[in-house]
Protein backbone atom coordinates (compact mmCIF):
# COMPACT_ATOMS: atom_id res chain seq x y z
CA UNK A 1 3.58 -39.40 127.40
CA UNK A 2 1.47 -38.35 130.39
CA UNK A 3 2.57 -35.41 132.46
CA UNK A 4 3.61 -36.22 136.03
CA UNK A 5 0.99 -35.49 138.64
CA UNK A 6 1.51 -32.41 140.76
CA UNK A 7 1.24 -32.76 144.53
CA UNK A 8 0.12 -29.11 144.69
CA UNK A 9 -2.73 -29.77 142.26
CA UNK A 10 -3.78 -32.89 144.19
CA UNK A 11 -3.77 -30.87 147.44
CA UNK A 12 -5.80 -28.09 145.75
CA UNK A 13 -8.42 -30.63 144.64
CA UNK A 14 -8.68 -32.09 148.14
CA UNK A 15 -8.95 -28.63 149.72
CA UNK A 16 -11.62 -27.66 147.20
CA UNK A 17 -13.50 -30.91 147.84
CA UNK A 18 -13.50 -30.14 151.55
CA UNK A 19 -14.93 -26.65 151.00
CA UNK A 20 -17.52 -27.75 148.45
CA UNK A 21 -18.70 -30.75 150.47
CA UNK A 22 -18.96 -28.54 153.55
CA UNK A 23 -21.22 -26.10 151.74
CA UNK A 24 -23.05 -28.30 149.22
CA UNK A 25 -22.97 -31.79 150.76
CA UNK A 26 -21.73 -35.10 149.42
CA UNK A 27 -23.94 -34.89 146.36
CA UNK A 28 -22.04 -31.86 145.04
CA UNK A 29 -20.90 -32.55 141.46
CA UNK A 30 -17.24 -33.11 140.73
CA UNK A 31 -17.42 -30.28 138.20
CA UNK A 32 -18.07 -27.90 141.10
CA UNK A 33 -15.09 -29.30 143.00
CA UNK A 34 -12.87 -29.01 139.92
CA UNK A 35 -13.96 -25.41 139.35
CA UNK A 36 -13.27 -24.54 143.00
CA UNK A 37 -9.81 -26.14 142.66
CA UNK A 38 -9.09 -24.26 139.45
CA UNK A 39 -8.69 -27.43 137.38
CA UNK A 40 -10.71 -29.07 134.64
CA UNK A 41 -13.10 -31.87 135.49
CA UNK A 42 -10.90 -34.18 133.40
CA UNK A 43 -7.86 -33.15 135.42
CA UNK A 44 -9.71 -33.99 138.64
CA UNK A 45 -10.27 -37.50 137.30
CA UNK A 46 -6.57 -37.77 136.44
CA UNK A 47 -5.86 -37.52 140.15
CA UNK A 48 -8.93 -39.39 141.43
CA UNK A 49 -10.45 -42.05 139.15
CA UNK A 50 -13.95 -41.65 140.61
CA UNK A 51 -15.76 -39.39 143.01
CA UNK A 52 -15.72 -42.24 145.55
CA UNK A 53 -11.92 -42.41 145.28
CA UNK A 54 -11.79 -38.65 145.87
CA UNK A 55 -14.06 -38.92 148.93
CA UNK A 56 -11.97 -41.72 150.39
CA UNK A 57 -8.76 -39.74 149.84
CA UNK A 58 -10.33 -36.68 151.46
CA UNK A 59 -11.48 -38.76 154.45
CA UNK A 60 -7.93 -39.99 155.03
CA UNK A 61 -6.46 -36.53 154.50
CA UNK A 62 -8.80 -35.00 157.08
CA UNK A 63 -8.23 -37.80 159.60
CA UNK A 64 -4.45 -37.41 159.31
CA UNK A 65 -4.68 -33.61 159.51
CA UNK A 66 -6.87 -33.76 162.63
CA UNK A 67 -4.62 -36.30 164.31
CA UNK A 68 -1.49 -34.29 163.59
CA UNK A 69 -3.08 -31.13 164.97
CA UNK A 70 -4.53 -32.87 168.04
CA UNK A 71 -1.21 -34.43 169.05
CA UNK A 72 0.88 -31.30 168.56
CA UNK A 73 2.71 -30.10 171.65
CA UNK A 74 1.22 -32.56 174.13
CA UNK A 75 2.86 -32.30 177.56
CA UNK A 76 4.33 -35.83 177.54
CA UNK A 77 5.69 -35.52 181.10
CA UNK A 78 2.28 -34.52 182.50
CA UNK A 79 -0.50 -36.66 183.90
CA UNK A 80 -3.01 -38.20 181.47
CA UNK A 81 -5.73 -35.65 182.31
CA UNK A 82 -3.43 -32.76 181.37
CA UNK A 83 -2.45 -34.56 178.19
CA UNK A 84 -6.08 -35.18 177.27
CA UNK A 85 -6.95 -31.56 178.02
CA UNK A 86 -4.26 -30.40 175.58
CA UNK A 87 -5.39 -32.95 172.98
CA UNK A 88 -8.98 -31.68 173.44
CA UNK A 89 -7.94 -28.06 173.06
CA UNK A 90 -5.95 -28.91 169.94
CA UNK A 91 -8.95 -30.82 168.53
CA UNK A 92 -11.26 -27.86 169.14
CA UNK A 93 -8.71 -25.42 167.73
CA UNK A 94 -8.41 -27.50 164.53
CA UNK A 95 -12.18 -27.62 164.22
CA UNK A 96 -12.66 -23.92 164.87
CA UNK A 97 -9.80 -22.91 162.55
CA UNK A 98 -11.10 -24.99 159.65
CA UNK A 99 -14.86 -25.32 159.98
CA UNK A 100 -15.15 -26.53 156.38
CA UNK A 101 -12.88 -29.48 157.21
CA UNK A 102 -14.99 -30.27 160.24
CA UNK A 103 -18.23 -30.08 158.23
CA UNK A 104 -16.81 -32.22 155.44
CA UNK A 105 -15.52 -34.80 157.92
CA UNK A 106 -18.91 -34.97 159.62
CA UNK A 107 -20.52 -35.82 156.30
CA UNK A 108 -17.81 -38.27 155.24
CA UNK A 109 -18.14 -40.17 158.52
CA UNK A 110 -21.65 -41.28 157.51
CA UNK A 111 -21.01 -41.70 153.78
CA UNK A 112 -21.59 -45.09 152.21
CA UNK A 113 -18.80 -44.23 149.76
CA UNK A 114 -16.15 -44.54 152.45
CA UNK A 115 -14.87 -48.10 152.28
CA UNK A 116 -14.13 -50.33 155.24
CA UNK A 117 -10.45 -50.33 154.20
CA UNK A 118 -10.45 -46.52 154.25
CA UNK A 119 -12.17 -46.47 157.64
CA UNK A 120 -9.49 -48.85 158.93
CA UNK A 121 -6.75 -46.65 157.48
CA UNK A 122 -8.45 -43.66 159.15
CA UNK A 123 -8.30 -45.46 162.48
CA UNK A 124 -4.60 -46.10 161.90
CA UNK A 125 -4.09 -42.42 161.04
CA UNK A 126 -5.63 -41.45 164.38
CA UNK A 127 -3.90 -44.19 166.38
CA UNK A 128 -1.94 -41.62 168.38
CA UNK A 129 -5.16 -39.98 169.55
CA UNK A 130 -6.67 -43.40 170.25
CA UNK A 131 -3.72 -44.29 172.48
CA UNK A 132 -4.45 -41.30 174.71
CA UNK A 133 -8.13 -42.18 174.80
CA UNK A 134 -7.26 -45.77 175.74
CA UNK A 135 -5.02 -44.62 178.58
CA UNK A 136 -7.71 -42.21 179.79
CA UNK A 137 -10.42 -44.84 179.97
CA UNK A 138 -8.41 -47.67 181.57
CA UNK A 139 -10.31 -47.43 184.85
CA UNK A 140 -13.40 -45.56 183.67
CA UNK A 141 -16.93 -46.67 182.92
CA UNK A 142 -16.21 -47.21 179.20
CA UNK A 143 -13.06 -49.28 179.67
CA UNK A 144 -14.68 -52.32 178.04
CA UNK A 145 -16.68 -50.49 175.36
CA UNK A 146 -15.47 -50.76 171.75
CA UNK A 147 -13.06 -47.95 170.92
CA UNK A 148 -15.15 -46.98 167.88
CA UNK A 149 -18.12 -46.38 170.20
CA UNK A 150 -16.02 -44.28 172.58
CA UNK A 151 -14.60 -42.29 169.66
CA UNK A 152 -18.10 -41.65 168.35
CA UNK A 153 -19.20 -40.38 171.77
CA UNK A 154 -16.19 -38.07 171.99
CA UNK A 155 -16.82 -36.78 168.46
CA UNK A 156 -20.44 -36.06 169.38
CA UNK A 157 -19.38 -34.11 172.45
CA UNK A 158 -16.76 -32.26 170.38
CA UNK A 159 -19.37 -31.40 167.74
CA UNK A 160 -21.78 -30.08 170.37
CA UNK A 161 -18.98 -28.10 171.99
CA UNK A 162 -17.89 -26.54 168.69
CA UNK A 163 -21.49 -25.68 167.84
CA UNK A 164 -21.78 -23.82 171.16
CA UNK A 165 -18.43 -22.10 170.64
CA UNK A 166 -19.59 -20.88 167.23
CA UNK A 167 -23.02 -19.82 168.48
CA UNK A 168 -21.61 -18.07 171.55
CA UNK A 169 -17.99 -17.08 170.82
CA UNK A 170 -17.82 -14.71 173.80
CA UNK A 171 -18.04 -17.78 176.05
CA UNK A 172 -16.08 -20.12 173.76
CA UNK A 173 -13.39 -20.97 176.29
CA UNK A 174 -16.02 -21.80 178.91
CA UNK A 175 -17.87 -24.03 176.43
CA UNK A 176 -14.59 -25.74 175.59
CA UNK A 177 -13.91 -26.52 179.25
CA UNK A 178 -17.49 -27.71 179.80
CA UNK A 179 -17.04 -30.07 176.87
CA UNK A 180 -13.77 -31.32 178.32
CA UNK A 181 -15.37 -31.91 181.71
CA UNK A 182 -18.03 -33.97 179.94
CA UNK A 183 -15.51 -36.12 178.04
CA UNK A 184 -13.35 -36.59 181.12
CA UNK A 185 -16.37 -37.84 183.07
CA UNK A 186 -17.21 -40.19 180.21
CA UNK A 187 -13.67 -41.52 180.05
CA UNK A 188 -12.26 -41.50 183.55
């Protein structure tokens, strides 16, 4: 009789995958991920049948984690700009607090291993963020652009902002606000 799967072990494998992919790239062997997670390679495959299944699970985990962090504590009674500013700050805080997650997500976004179903599920996981973006762009220059395009633009601006915050931490807050000004001009 097979032992029941442990949610803690699954979470450890996903966390290890995030760290290893961030440092070694998508081609990192599963044995390296298993070692980082403190499990055997066979145990890794008990939780994730293939490396592609692991990458898809990690993609969804990171999307859900980012969305949860970005939406935390939004001032619901405030105007949309104030709400977007808080969402932006939360997004940057998540990225800065977990740079390995950010690096892994950046690589997973362009991976051929991520299925269209997983990408769709990722969009559903970030639907709360998308709703704020939709409200922000209602009257802006990108109101008719596909949401995936707008999201890609915002991610690019966020990536550039985080890179500047890391390179110049003494002016991190200023870089964060400059990035927000850029996204607000793009949206509204």
